[in-house]
């Protein structure tokens, strides 16, 4: 649940909206790495 992740991010001093950015980066970036698409850019973001 993203509301739980957002709350945890907020509890450690990270803006809650960053939870959505991180979750999307991990999910979409992971898929892109598996496929080998934009590997350098995704890896730099990681």
ModelCIF file with pLDDT and N, C-alpha, C, O atoms, coordinates in Angstrom:
data_MODEL
#
_entry.id   MODEL 
#
_entity.id                         1 
_entity.type                       polymer 
_entity.pdbx_number_of_molecules   1 
#
_entity_poly.entity_id                      1 
_entity_poly.type                           'polypeptide(L)' 
_entity_poly.nstd_linkage                   no 
_entity_poly.nstd_monomer                   no 
_entity_poly.pdbx_seq_one_letter_code       
;(UNK)(UNK)(UNK)(UNK)(UNK)(UNK)(UNK)(UNK)(UNK)(UNK)(UNK)(UNK)(UNK)(UNK)(UNK)(UNK)
(UNK)(UNK)(UNK)(UNK)(UNK)(UNK)(UNK)(UNK)(UNK)(UNK)(UNK)(UNK)(UNK)(UNK)(UNK)(UNK)
(UNK)(UNK)(UNK)(UNK)(UNK)(UNK)(UNK)(UNK)(UNK)(UNK)(UNK)(UNK)(UNK)(UNK)
;
_entity_poly.pdbx_seq_one_letter_code_can   XXXXXXXXXXXXXXXXXXXXXXXXXXXXXXXXXXXXXXXXXXXXXX 
_entity_poly.pdbx_strand_id                 A 
#
loop_
_entity_poly_seq.entity_id 
_entity_poly_seq.num 
_entity_poly_seq.mon_id 
_entity_poly_seq.hetero 
1 1  UNK n 
1 2  UNK n 
1 3  UNK n 
1 4  UNK n 
1 5  UNK n 
1 6  UNK n 
1 7  UNK n 
1 8  UNK n 
1 9  UNK n 
1 10 UNK n 
1 11 UNK n 
1 12 UNK n 
1 13 UNK n 
1 14 UNK n 
1 15 UNK n 
1 16 UNK n 
1 17 UNK n 
1 18 UNK n 
1 19 UNK n 
1 20 UNK n 
1 21 UNK n 
1 22 UNK n 
1 23 UNK n 
1 24 UNK n 
1 25 UNK n 
1 26 UNK n 
1 27 UNK n 
1 28 UNK n 
1 29 UNK n 
1 30 UNK n 
1 31 UNK n 
1 32 UNK n 
1 33 UNK n 
1 34 UNK n 
1 35 UNK n 
1 36 UNK n 
1 37 UNK n 
1 38 UNK n 
1 39 UNK n 
1 40 UNK n 
1 41 UNK n 
1 42 UNK n 
1 43 UNK n 
1 44 UNK n 
1 45 UNK n 
1 46 UNK n 
#
_struct_asym.id          A 
_struct_asym.entity_id   1 
#
loop_
_ma_qa_metric.id 
_ma_qa_metric.mode 
_ma_qa_metric.name 
_ma_qa_metric.software_group_id 
_ma_qa_metric.type 
1 global pLDDT . pLDDT 
2 local  pLDDT . pLDDT 
#
_ma_qa_metric_global.metric_id      1 
_ma_qa_metric_global.metric_value   96.24 
_ma_qa_metric_global.model_id       1 
_ma_qa_metric_global.ordinal_id     1 
#
loop_
_ma_qa_metric_local.label_asym_id 
_ma_qa_metric_local.label_comp_id 
_ma_qa_metric_local.label_seq_id 
_ma_qa_metric_local.metric_id 
_ma_qa_metric_local.metric_value 
_ma_qa_metric_local.model_id 
_ma_qa_metric_local.ordinal_id 
A UNK 1  2 96.00 1 1  
A UNK 2  2 96.00 1 2  
A UNK 3  2 96.00 1 3  
A UNK 4  2 96.00 1 4  
A UNK 5  2 96.00 1 5  
A UNK 6  2 96.00 1 6  
A UNK 7  2 96.00 1 7  
A UNK 8  2 94.00 1 8  
A UNK 9  2 95.00 1 9  
A UNK 10 2 95.00 1 10 
A UNK 11 2 93.00 1 11 
A UNK 12 2 91.00 1 12 
A UNK 13 2 91.00 1 13 
A UNK 14 2 93.00 1 14 
A UNK 15 2 94.00 1 15 
A UNK 16 2 94.00 1 16 
A UNK 17 2 95.00 1 17 
A UNK 18 2 96.00 1 18 
A UNK 19 2 97.00 1 19 
A UNK 20 2 97.00 1 20 
A UNK 21 2 97.00 1 21 
A UNK 22 2 97.00 1 22 
A UNK 23 2 98.00 1 23 
A UNK 24 2 98.00 1 24 
A UNK 25 2 98.00 1 25 
A UNK 26 2 98.00 1 26 
A UNK 27 2 98.00 1 27 
A UNK 28 2 98.00 1 28 
A UNK 29 2 98.00 1 29 
A UNK 30 2 98.00 1 30 
A UNK 31 2 98.00 1 31 
A UNK 32 2 98.00 1 32 
A UNK 33 2 97.00 1 33 
A UNK 34 2 97.00 1 34 
A UNK 35 2 96.00 1 35 
A UNK 36 2 95.00 1 36 
A UNK 37 2 96.00 1 37 
A UNK 38 2 96.00 1 38 
A UNK 39 2 96.00 1 39 
A UNK 40 2 96.00 1 40 
A UNK 41 2 97.00 1 41 
A UNK 42 2 98.00 1 42 
A UNK 43 2 98.00 1 43 
A UNK 44 2 98.00 1 44 
A UNK 45 2 98.00 1 45 
A UNK 46 2 98.00 1 46 
#
loop_
_atom_site.group_PDB 
_atom_site.id 
_atom_site.type_symbol 
_atom_site.label_atom_id 
_atom_site.label_alt_id 
_atom_site.label_comp_id 
_atom_site.label_asym_id 
_atom_site.label_entity_id 
_atom_site.label_seq_id 
_atom_site.pdbx_PDB_ins_code 
_atom_site.Cartn_x 
_atom_site.Cartn_y 
_atom_site.Cartn_z 
_atom_site.occupancy 
_atom_site.B_iso_or_equiv 
_atom_site.pdbx_formal_charge 
_atom_site.auth_seq_id 
_atom_site.auth_comp_id 
_atom_site.auth_asym_id 
_atom_site.auth_atom_id 
_atom_site.pdbx_PDB_model_num 
ATOM 1   N N  . UNK A 1 1  ? 0.829  -1.195 0.000   1.00 96.00 ? 1  UNK A N  1 
ATOM 2   C CA . UNK A 1 1  ? 0.000  0.000  0.000   1.00 96.00 ? 1  UNK A CA 1 
ATOM 3   C C  . UNK A 1 1  ? 0.862  1.242  0.000   1.00 96.00 ? 1  UNK A C  1 
ATOM 4   O O  . UNK A 1 1  ? 1.680  1.452  0.896   1.00 96.00 ? 1  UNK A O  1 
ATOM 5   N N  . UNK A 1 2  ? 0.670  2.055  -1.008  1.00 96.00 ? 2  UNK A N  1 
ATOM 6   C CA . UNK A 1 2  ? 1.521  3.235  -1.146  1.00 96.00 ? 2  UNK A CA 1 
ATOM 7   C C  . UNK A 1 2  ? 1.303  4.245  -0.025  1.00 96.00 ? 2  UNK A C  1 
ATOM 8   O O  . UNK A 1 2  ? 2.206  5.019  0.292   1.00 96.00 ? 2  UNK A O  1 
ATOM 9   N N  . UNK A 1 3  ? 0.123  4.246  0.575   1.00 96.00 ? 3  UNK A N  1 
ATOM 10  C CA . UNK A 1 3  ? -0.078 5.161  1.707   1.00 96.00 ? 3  UNK A CA 1 
ATOM 11  C C  . UNK A 1 3  ? 0.806  4.760  2.884   1.00 96.00 ? 3  UNK A C  1 
ATOM 12  O O  . UNK A 1 3  ? 1.299  5.620  3.614   1.00 96.00 ? 3  UNK A O  1 
ATOM 13  N N  . UNK A 1 4  ? 1.006  3.457  3.069   1.00 96.00 ? 4  UNK A N  1 
ATOM 14  C CA . UNK A 1 4  ? 1.906  2.987  4.125   1.00 96.00 ? 4  UNK A CA 1 
ATOM 15  C C  . UNK A 1 4  ? 3.362  3.358  3.820   1.00 96.00 ? 4  UNK A C  1 
ATOM 16  O O  . UNK A 1 4  ? 4.105  3.789  4.701   1.00 96.00 ? 4  UNK A O  1 
ATOM 17  N N  . UNK A 1 5  ? 3.744  3.184  2.572   1.00 96.00 ? 5  UNK A N  1 
ATOM 18  C CA . UNK A 1 5  ? 5.115  3.524  2.168   1.00 96.00 ? 5  UNK A CA 1 
ATOM 19  C C  . UNK A 1 5  ? 5.326  5.024  2.298   1.00 96.00 ? 5  UNK A C  1 
ATOM 20  O O  . UNK A 1 5  ? 6.368  5.474  2.774   1.00 96.00 ? 5  UNK A O  1 
ATOM 21  N N  . UNK A 1 6  ? 4.333  5.793  1.872   1.00 96.00 ? 6  UNK A N  1 
ATOM 22  C CA . UNK A 1 6  ? 4.411  7.251  1.969   1.00 96.00 ? 6  UNK A CA 1 
ATOM 23  C C  . UNK A 1 6  ? 4.548  7.676  3.432   1.00 96.00 ? 6  UNK A C  1 
ATOM 24  O O  . UNK A 1 6  ? 5.327  8.574  3.750   1.00 96.00 ? 6  UNK A O  1 
ATOM 25  N N  . UNK A 1 7  ? 3.797  7.034  4.312   1.00 96.00 ? 7  UNK A N  1 
ATOM 26  C CA . UNK A 1 7  ? 3.873  7.359  5.747   1.00 96.00 ? 7  UNK A CA 1 
ATOM 27  C C  . UNK A 1 7  ? 5.249  7.017  6.307   1.00 96.00 ? 7  UNK A C  1 
ATOM 28  O O  . UNK A 1 7  ? 5.797  7.770  7.112   1.00 96.00 ? 7  UNK A O  1 
ATOM 29  N N  . UNK A 1 8  ? 5.811  5.882  5.885   1.00 94.00 ? 8  UNK A N  1 
ATOM 30  C CA . UNK A 1 8  ? 7.141  5.515  6.378   1.00 94.00 ? 8  UNK A CA 1 
ATOM 31  C C  . UNK A 1 8  ? 8.188  6.507  5.889   1.00 94.00 ? 8  UNK A C  1 
ATOM 32  O O  . UNK A 1 8  ? 9.060  6.920  6.653   1.00 94.00 ? 8  UNK A O  1 
ATOM 33  N N  . UNK A 1 9  ? 8.106  6.889  4.621   1.00 95.00 ? 9  UNK A N  1 
ATOM 34  C CA . UNK A 1 9  ? 9.034  7.892  4.092   1.00 95.00 ? 9  UNK A CA 1 
ATOM 35  C C  . UNK A 1 9  ? 8.944  9.174  4.919   1.00 95.00 ? 9  UNK A C  1 
ATOM 36  O O  . UNK A 1 9  ? 9.963  9.741  5.311   1.00 95.00 ? 9  UNK A O  1 
ATOM 37  N N  . UNK A 1 10 ? 7.721  9.620  5.178   1.00 95.00 ? 10 UNK A N  1 
ATOM 38  C CA . UNK A 1 10 ? 7.517  10.847 5.963   1.00 95.00 ? 10 UNK A CA 1 
ATOM 39  C C  . UNK A 1 10 ? 8.077  10.706 7.373   1.00 95.00 ? 10 UNK A C  1 
ATOM 40  O O  . UNK A 1 10 ? 8.617  11.664 7.927   1.00 95.00 ? 10 UNK A O  1 
ATOM 41  N N  . UNK A 1 11 ? 7.950  9.515  7.956   1.00 93.00 ? 11 UNK A N  1 
ATOM 42  C CA . UNK A 1 11 ? 8.421  9.305  9.329   1.00 93.00 ? 11 UNK A CA 1 
ATOM 43  C C  . UNK A 1 11 ? 9.937  9.398  9.460   1.00 93.00 ? 11 UNK A C  1 
ATOM 44  O O  . UNK A 1 11 ? 10.452 9.651  10.549  1.00 93.00 ? 11 UNK A O  1 
ATOM 45  N N  . UNK A 1 12 ? 10.651 9.195  8.361   1.00 91.00 ? 12 UNK A N  1 
ATOM 46  C CA . UNK A 1 12 ? 12.119 9.301  8.434   1.00 91.00 ? 12 UNK A CA 1 
ATOM 47  C C  . UNK A 1 12 ? 12.616 10.608 7.802   1.00 91.00 ? 12 UNK A C  1 
ATOM 48  O O  . UNK A 1 12 ? 13.812 10.781 7.567   1.00 91.00 ? 12 UNK A O  1 
ATOM 49  N N  . UNK A 1 13 ? 11.680 11.518 7.533   1.00 91.00 ? 13 UNK A N  1 
ATOM 50  C CA . UNK A 1 13 ? 12.068 12.842 7.065   1.00 91.00 ? 13 UNK A CA 1 
ATOM 51  C C  . UNK A 1 13 ? 12.162 13.020 5.562   1.00 91.00 ? 13 UNK A C  1 
ATOM 52  O O  . UNK A 1 13 ? 12.675 14.033 5.087   1.00 91.00 ? 13 UNK A O  1 
ATOM 53  N N  . UNK A 1 14 ? 11.675 12.049 4.811   1.00 93.00 ? 14 UNK A N  1 
ATOM 54  C CA . UNK A 1 14 ? 11.677 12.147 3.349   1.00 93.00 ? 14 UNK A CA 1 
ATOM 55  C C  . UNK A 1 14 ? 10.270 12.544 2.924   1.00 93.00 ? 14 UNK A C  1 
ATOM 56  O O  . UNK A 1 14 ? 9.304  11.973 3.430   1.00 93.00 ? 14 UNK A O  1 
ATOM 57  N N  . UNK A 1 15 ? 10.120 13.500 2.014   1.00 94.00 ? 15 UNK A N  1 
ATOM 58  C CA . UNK A 1 15 ? 8.776  13.876 1.569   1.00 94.00 ? 15 UNK A CA 1 
ATOM 59  C C  . UNK A 1 15 ? 8.002  12.646 1.077   1.00 94.00 ? 15 UNK A C  1 
ATOM 60  O O  . UNK A 1 15 ? 8.541  11.815 0.346   1.00 94.00 ? 15 UNK A O  1 
ATOM 61  N N  . UNK A 1 16 ? 6.746  12.544 1.483   1.00 94.00 ? 16 UNK A N  1 
ATOM 62  C CA . UNK A 1 16 ? 5.933  11.376 1.166   1.00 94.00 ? 16 UNK A CA 1 
ATOM 63  C C  . UNK A 1 16 ? 5.808  11.082 -0.318  1.00 94.00 ? 16 UNK A C  1 
ATOM 64  O O  . UNK A 1 16 ? 5.754  9.918  -0.714  1.00 94.00 ? 16 UNK A O  1 
ATOM 65  N N  . UNK A 1 17 ? 5.760  12.129 -1.152  1.00 95.00 ? 17 UNK A N  1 
ATOM 66  C CA . UNK A 1 17 ? 5.608  11.906 -2.597  1.00 95.00 ? 17 UNK A CA 1 
ATOM 67  C C  . UNK A 1 17 ? 6.793  11.138 -3.177  1.00 95.00 ? 17 UNK A C  1 
ATOM 68  O O  . UNK A 1 17 ? 6.669  10.511 -4.229  1.00 95.00 ? 17 UNK A O  1 
ATOM 69  N N  . UNK A 1 18 ? 7.941  11.183 -2.500  1.00 96.00 ? 18 UNK A N  1 
ATOM 70  C CA . UNK A 1 18 ? 9.118  10.454 -2.989  1.00 96.00 ? 18 UNK A CA 1 
ATOM 71  C C  . UNK A 1 18 ? 8.882  8.950  -3.006  1.00 96.00 ? 18 UNK A C  1 
ATOM 72  O O  . UNK A 1 18 ? 9.522  8.226  -3.769  1.00 96.00 ? 18 UNK A O  1 
ATOM 73  N N  . UNK A 1 19 ? 7.961  8.477  -2.162  1.00 97.00 ? 19 UNK A N  1 
ATOM 74  C CA . UNK A 1 19 ? 7.641  7.049  -2.133  1.00 97.00 ? 19 UNK A CA 1 
ATOM 75  C C  . UNK A 1 19 ? 7.130  6.589  -3.497  1.00 97.00 ? 19 UNK A C  1 
ATOM 76  O O  . UNK A 1 19 ? 7.476  5.502  -3.959  1.00 97.00 ? 19 UNK A O  1 
ATOM 77  N N  . UNK A 1 20 ? 6.316  7.410  -4.133  1.00 97.00 ? 20 UNK A N  1 
ATOM 78  C CA . UNK A 1 20 ? 5.767  7.060  -5.448  1.00 97.00 ? 20 UNK A CA 1 
ATOM 79  C C  . UNK A 1 20 ? 6.867  7.057  -6.511  1.00 97.00 ? 20 UNK A C  1 
ATOM 80  O O  . UNK A 1 20 ? 6.894  6.189  -7.384  1.00 97.00 ? 20 UNK A O  1 
ATOM 81  N N  . UNK A 1 21 ? 7.758  8.019  -6.429  1.00 97.00 ? 21 UNK A N  1 
ATOM 82  C CA . UNK A 1 21 ? 8.869  8.089  -7.385  1.00 97.00 ? 21 UNK A CA 1 
ATOM 83  C C  . UNK A 1 21 ? 9.767  6.864  -7.242  1.00 97.00 ? 21 UNK A C  1 
ATOM 84  O O  . UNK A 1 21 ? 10.141 6.238  -8.234  1.00 97.00 ? 21 UNK A O  1 
ATOM 85  N N  . UNK A 1 22 ? 10.110 6.526  -5.994  1.00 97.00 ? 22 UNK A N  1 
ATOM 86  C CA . UNK A 1 22 ? 10.984 5.380  -5.737  1.00 97.00 ? 22 UNK A CA 1 
ATOM 87  C C  . UNK A 1 22 ? 10.314 4.079  -6.182  1.00 97.00 ? 22 UNK A C  1 
ATOM 88  O O  . UNK A 1 22 ? 10.948 3.247  -6.831  1.00 97.00 ? 22 UNK A O  1 
ATOM 89  N N  . UNK A 1 23 ? 9.041  3.900  -5.838  1.00 98.00 ? 23 UNK A N  1 
ATOM 90  C CA . UNK A 1 23 ? 8.336  2.664  -6.211  1.00 98.00 ? 23 UNK A CA 1 
ATOM 91  C C  . UNK A 1 23 ? 8.256  2.509  -7.721  1.00 98.00 ? 23 UNK A C  1 
ATOM 92  O O  . UNK A 1 23 ? 8.482  1.419  -8.247  1.00 98.00 ? 23 UNK A O  1 
ATOM 93  N N  . UNK A 1 24 ? 7.938  3.592  -8.424  1.00 98.00 ? 24 UNK A N  1 
ATOM 94  C CA . UNK A 1 24 ? 7.875  3.537  -9.889  1.00 98.00 ? 24 UNK A CA 1 
ATOM 95  C C  . UNK A 1 24 ? 9.245  3.282  -10.499 1.00 98.00 ? 24 UNK A C  1 
ATOM 96  O O  . UNK A 1 24 ? 9.381  2.495  -11.436 1.00 98.00 ? 24 UNK A O  1 
ATOM 97  N N  . UNK A 1 25 ? 10.263 3.954  -9.960  1.00 98.00 ? 25 UNK A N  1 
ATOM 98  C CA . UNK A 1 25 ? 11.619 3.736  -10.470 1.00 98.00 ? 25 UNK A CA 1 
ATOM 99  C C  . UNK A 1 25 ? 12.030 2.281  -10.276 1.00 98.00 ? 25 UNK A C  1 
ATOM 100 O O  . UNK A 1 25 ? 12.594 1.667  -11.182 1.00 98.00 ? 25 UNK A O  1 
ATOM 101 N N  . UNK A 1 26 ? 11.752 1.732  -9.104  1.00 98.00 ? 26 UNK A N  1 
ATOM 102 C CA . UNK A 1 26 ? 12.126 0.338  -8.859  1.00 98.00 ? 26 UNK A CA 1 
ATOM 103 C C  . UNK A 1 26 ? 11.378 -0.616 -9.783  1.00 98.00 ? 26 UNK A C  1 
ATOM 104 O O  . UNK A 1 26 ? 11.975 -1.533 -10.348 1.00 98.00 ? 26 UNK A O  1 
ATOM 105 N N  . UNK A 1 27 ? 10.081 -0.403 -9.936  1.00 98.00 ? 27 UNK A N  1 
ATOM 106 C CA . UNK A 1 27 ? 9.280  -1.307 -10.768 1.00 98.00 ? 27 UNK A CA 1 
ATOM 107 C C  . UNK A 1 27 ? 9.607  -1.154 -12.249 1.00 98.00 ? 27 UNK A C  1 
ATOM 108 O O  . UNK A 1 27 ? 9.999  -2.121 -12.903 1.00 98.00 ? 27 UNK A O  1 
ATOM 109 N N  . UNK A 1 28 ? 9.448  0.042  -12.772 1.00 98.00 ? 28 UNK A N  1 
ATOM 110 C CA . UNK A 1 28 ? 9.664  0.273  -14.208 1.00 98.00 ? 28 UNK A CA 1 
ATOM 111 C C  . UNK A 1 28 ? 11.147 0.145  -14.551 1.00 98.00 ? 28 UNK A C  1 
ATOM 112 O O  . UNK A 1 28 ? 11.504 -0.454 -15.566 1.00 98.00 ? 28 UNK A O  1 
ATOM 113 N N  . UNK A 1 29 ? 12.006 0.708  -13.703 1.00 98.00 ? 29 UNK A N  1 
ATOM 114 C CA . UNK A 1 29 ? 13.449 0.596  -13.935 1.00 98.00 ? 29 UNK A CA 1 
ATOM 115 C C  . UNK A 1 29 ? 13.924 -0.843 -13.901 1.00 98.00 ? 29 UNK A C  1 
ATOM 116 O O  . UNK A 1 29 ? 14.788 -1.231 -14.687 1.00 98.00 ? 29 UNK A O  1 
ATOM 117 N N  . UNK A 1 30 ? 13.368 -1.639 -12.996 1.00 98.00 ? 30 UNK A N  1 
ATOM 118 C CA . UNK A 1 30 ? 13.722 -3.059 -12.942 1.00 98.00 ? 30 UNK A CA 1 
ATOM 119 C C  . UNK A 1 30 ? 13.347 -3.781 -14.220 1.00 98.00 ? 30 UNK A C  1 
ATOM 120 O O  . UNK A 1 30 ? 14.130 -4.566 -14.755 1.00 98.00 ? 30 UNK A O  1 
ATOM 121 N N  . UNK A 1 31 ? 12.143 -3.512 -14.710 1.00 98.00 ? 31 UNK A N  1 
ATOM 122 C CA . UNK A 1 31 ? 11.697 -4.127 -15.967 1.00 98.00 ? 31 UNK A CA 1 
ATOM 123 C C  . UNK A 1 31 ? 12.596 -3.680 -17.121 1.00 98.00 ? 31 UNK A C  1 
ATOM 124 O O  . UNK A 1 31 ? 12.958 -4.481 -17.983 1.00 98.00 ? 31 UNK A O  1 
ATOM 125 N N  . UNK A 1 32 ? 12.949 -2.400 -17.126 1.00 98.00 ? 32 UNK A N  1 
ATOM 126 C CA . UNK A 1 32 ? 13.816 -1.890 -18.192 1.00 98.00 ? 32 UNK A CA 1 
ATOM 127 C C  . UNK A 1 32 ? 15.204 -2.538 -18.137 1.00 98.00 ? 32 UNK A C  1 
ATOM 128 O O  . UNK A 1 32 ? 15.794 -2.825 -19.178 1.00 98.00 ? 32 UNK A O  1 
ATOM 129 N N  . UNK A 1 33 ? 15.722 -2.766 -16.934 1.00 97.00 ? 33 UNK A N  1 
ATOM 130 C CA . UNK A 1 33 ? 17.018 -3.445 -16.834 1.00 97.00 ? 33 UNK A CA 1 
ATOM 131 C C  . UNK A 1 33 ? 16.929 -4.877 -17.336 1.00 97.00 ? 33 UNK A C  1 
ATOM 132 O O  . UNK A 1 33 ? 17.827 -5.343 -18.037 1.00 97.00 ? 33 UNK A O  1 
ATOM 133 N N  . UNK A 1 34 ? 15.868 -5.573 -16.991 1.00 97.00 ? 34 UNK A N  1 
ATOM 134 C CA . UNK A 1 34 ? 15.707 -6.952 -17.454 1.00 97.00 ? 34 UNK A CA 1 
ATOM 135 C C  . UNK A 1 34 ? 15.733 -6.987 -18.980 1.00 97.00 ? 34 UNK A C  1 
ATOM 136 O O  . UNK A 1 34 ? 16.372 -7.852 -19.579 1.00 97.00 ? 34 UNK A O  1 
ATOM 137 N N  . UNK A 1 35 ? 15.039 -6.047 -19.596 1.00 96.00 ? 35 UNK A N  1 
ATOM 138 C CA . UNK A 1 35 ? 14.990 -5.980 -21.060 1.00 96.00 ? 35 UNK A CA 1 
ATOM 139 C C  . UNK A 1 35 ? 16.249 -5.371 -21.668 1.00 96.00 ? 35 UNK A C  1 
ATOM 140 O O  . UNK A 1 35 ? 16.508 -5.521 -22.862 1.00 96.00 ? 35 UNK A O  1 
ATOM 141 N N  . UNK A 1 36 ? 17.022 -4.689 -20.842 1.00 95.00 ? 36 UNK A N  1 
ATOM 142 C CA . UNK A 1 36 ? 18.219 -4.027 -21.356 1.00 95.00 ? 36 UNK A CA 1 
ATOM 143 C C  . UNK A 1 36 ? 17.886 -2.749 -22.099 1.00 95.00 ? 36 UNK A C  1 
ATOM 144 O O  . UNK A 1 36 ? 18.547 -2.411 -23.081 1.00 95.00 ? 36 UNK A O  1 
ATOM 145 N N  . UNK A 1 37 ? 16.864 -2.033 -21.641 1.00 96.00 ? 37 UNK A N  1 
ATOM 146 C CA . UNK A 1 37 ? 16.422 -0.804 -22.287 1.00 96.00 ? 37 UNK A CA 1 
ATOM 147 C C  . UNK A 1 37 ? 16.846 0.399  -21.462 1.00 96.00 ? 37 UNK A C  1 
ATOM 148 O O  . UNK A 1 37 ? 16.494 0.509  -20.288 1.00 96.00 ? 37 UNK A O  1 
ATOM 149 N N  . UNK A 1 38 ? 17.601 1.298  -22.077 1.00 96.00 ? 38 UNK A N  1 
ATOM 150 C CA . UNK A 1 38 ? 18.129 2.491  -21.397 1.00 96.00 ? 38 UNK A CA 1 
ATOM 151 C C  . UNK A 1 38 ? 18.895 2.112  -20.126 1.00 96.00 ? 38 UNK A C  1 
ATOM 152 O O  . UNK A 1 38 ? 18.766 2.766  -19.091 1.00 96.00 ? 38 UNK A O  1 
ATOM 153 N N  . UNK A 1 39 ? 19.676 1.068  -20.220 1.00 96.00 ? 39 UNK A N  1 
ATOM 154 C CA . UNK A 1 39 ? 20.386 0.509  -19.068 1.00 96.00 ? 39 UNK A CA 1 
ATOM 155 C C  . UNK A 1 39 ? 21.248 1.543  -18.363 1.00 96.00 ? 39 UNK A C  1 
ATOM 156 O O  . UNK A 1 39 ? 21.234 1.623  -17.134 1.00 96.00 ? 39 UNK A O  1 
ATOM 157 N N  . UNK A 1 40 ? 21.989 2.325  -19.111 1.00 96.00 ? 40 UNK A N  1 
ATOM 158 C CA . UNK A 1 40 ? 22.892 3.306  -18.484 1.00 96.00 ? 40 UNK A CA 1 
ATOM 159 C C  . UNK A 1 40 ? 22.121 4.347  -17.694 1.00 96.00 ? 40 UNK A C  1 
ATOM 160 O O  . UNK A 1 40 ? 22.513 4.693  -16.579 1.00 96.00 ? 40 UNK A O  1 
ATOM 161 N N  . UNK A 1 41 ? 21.029 4.854  -18.257 1.00 97.00 ? 41 UNK A N  1 
ATOM 162 C CA . UNK A 1 41 ? 20.252 5.890  -17.582 1.00 97.00 ? 41 UNK A CA 1 
ATOM 163 C C  . UNK A 1 41 ? 19.550 5.345  -16.336 1.00 97.00 ? 41 UNK A C  1 
ATOM 164 O O  . UNK A 1 41 ? 19.570 5.969  -15.275 1.00 97.00 ? 41 UNK A O  1 
ATOM 165 N N  . UNK A 1 42 ? 18.932 4.177  -16.484 1.00 98.00 ? 42 UNK A N  1 
ATOM 166 C CA . UNK A 1 42 ? 18.238 3.561  -15.349 1.00 98.00 ? 42 UNK A CA 1 
ATOM 167 C C  . UNK A 1 42 ? 19.243 3.259  -14.233 1.00 98.00 ? 42 UNK A C  1 
ATOM 168 O O  . UNK A 1 42 ? 18.968 3.508  -13.059 1.00 98.00 ? 42 UNK A O  1 
ATOM 169 N N  . UNK A 1 43 ? 20.395 2.728  -14.603 1.00 98.00 ? 43 UNK A N  1 
ATOM 170 C CA . UNK A 1 43 ? 21.419 2.397  -13.606 1.00 98.00 ? 43 UNK A CA 1 
ATOM 171 C C  . UNK A 1 43 ? 21.913 3.645  -12.890 1.00 98.00 ? 43 UNK A C  1 
ATOM 172 O O  . UNK A 1 43 ? 22.134 3.620  -11.679 1.00 98.00 ? 43 UNK A O  1 
ATOM 173 N N  . UNK A 1 44 ? 22.088 4.735  -13.626 1.00 98.00 ? 44 UNK A N  1 
ATOM 174 C CA . UNK A 1 44 ? 22.509 5.994  -13.003 1.00 98.00 ? 44 UNK A CA 1 
ATOM 175 C C  . UNK A 1 44 ? 21.447 6.490  -12.025 1.00 98.00 ? 44 UNK A C  1 
ATOM 176 O O  . UNK A 1 44 ? 21.782 6.990  -10.951 1.00 98.00 ? 44 UNK A O  1 
ATOM 177 N N  . UNK A 1 45 ? 20.178 6.357  -12.384 1.00 98.00 ? 45 UNK A N  1 
ATOM 178 C CA . UNK A 1 45 ? 19.101 6.739  -11.464 1.00 98.00 ? 45 UNK A CA 1 
ATOM 179 C C  . UNK A 1 45 ? 19.101 5.865  -10.217 1.00 98.00 ? 45 UNK A C  1 
ATOM 180 O O  . UNK A 1 45 ? 18.846 6.348  -9.114  1.00 98.00 ? 45 UNK A O  1 
ATOM 181 N N  . UNK A 1 46 ? 19.389 4.574  -10.395 1.00 98.00 ? 46 UNK A N  1 
ATOM 182 C CA . UNK A 1 46 ? 19.473 3.676  -9.235  1.00 98.00 ? 46 UNK A CA 1 
ATOM 183 C C  . UNK A 1 46 ? 20.620 4.092  -8.309  1.00 98.00 ? 46 UNK A C  1 
ATOM 184 O O  . UNK A 1 46 ? 20.846 3.454  -7.281  1.00 98.00 ? 46 UNK A O  1 
#
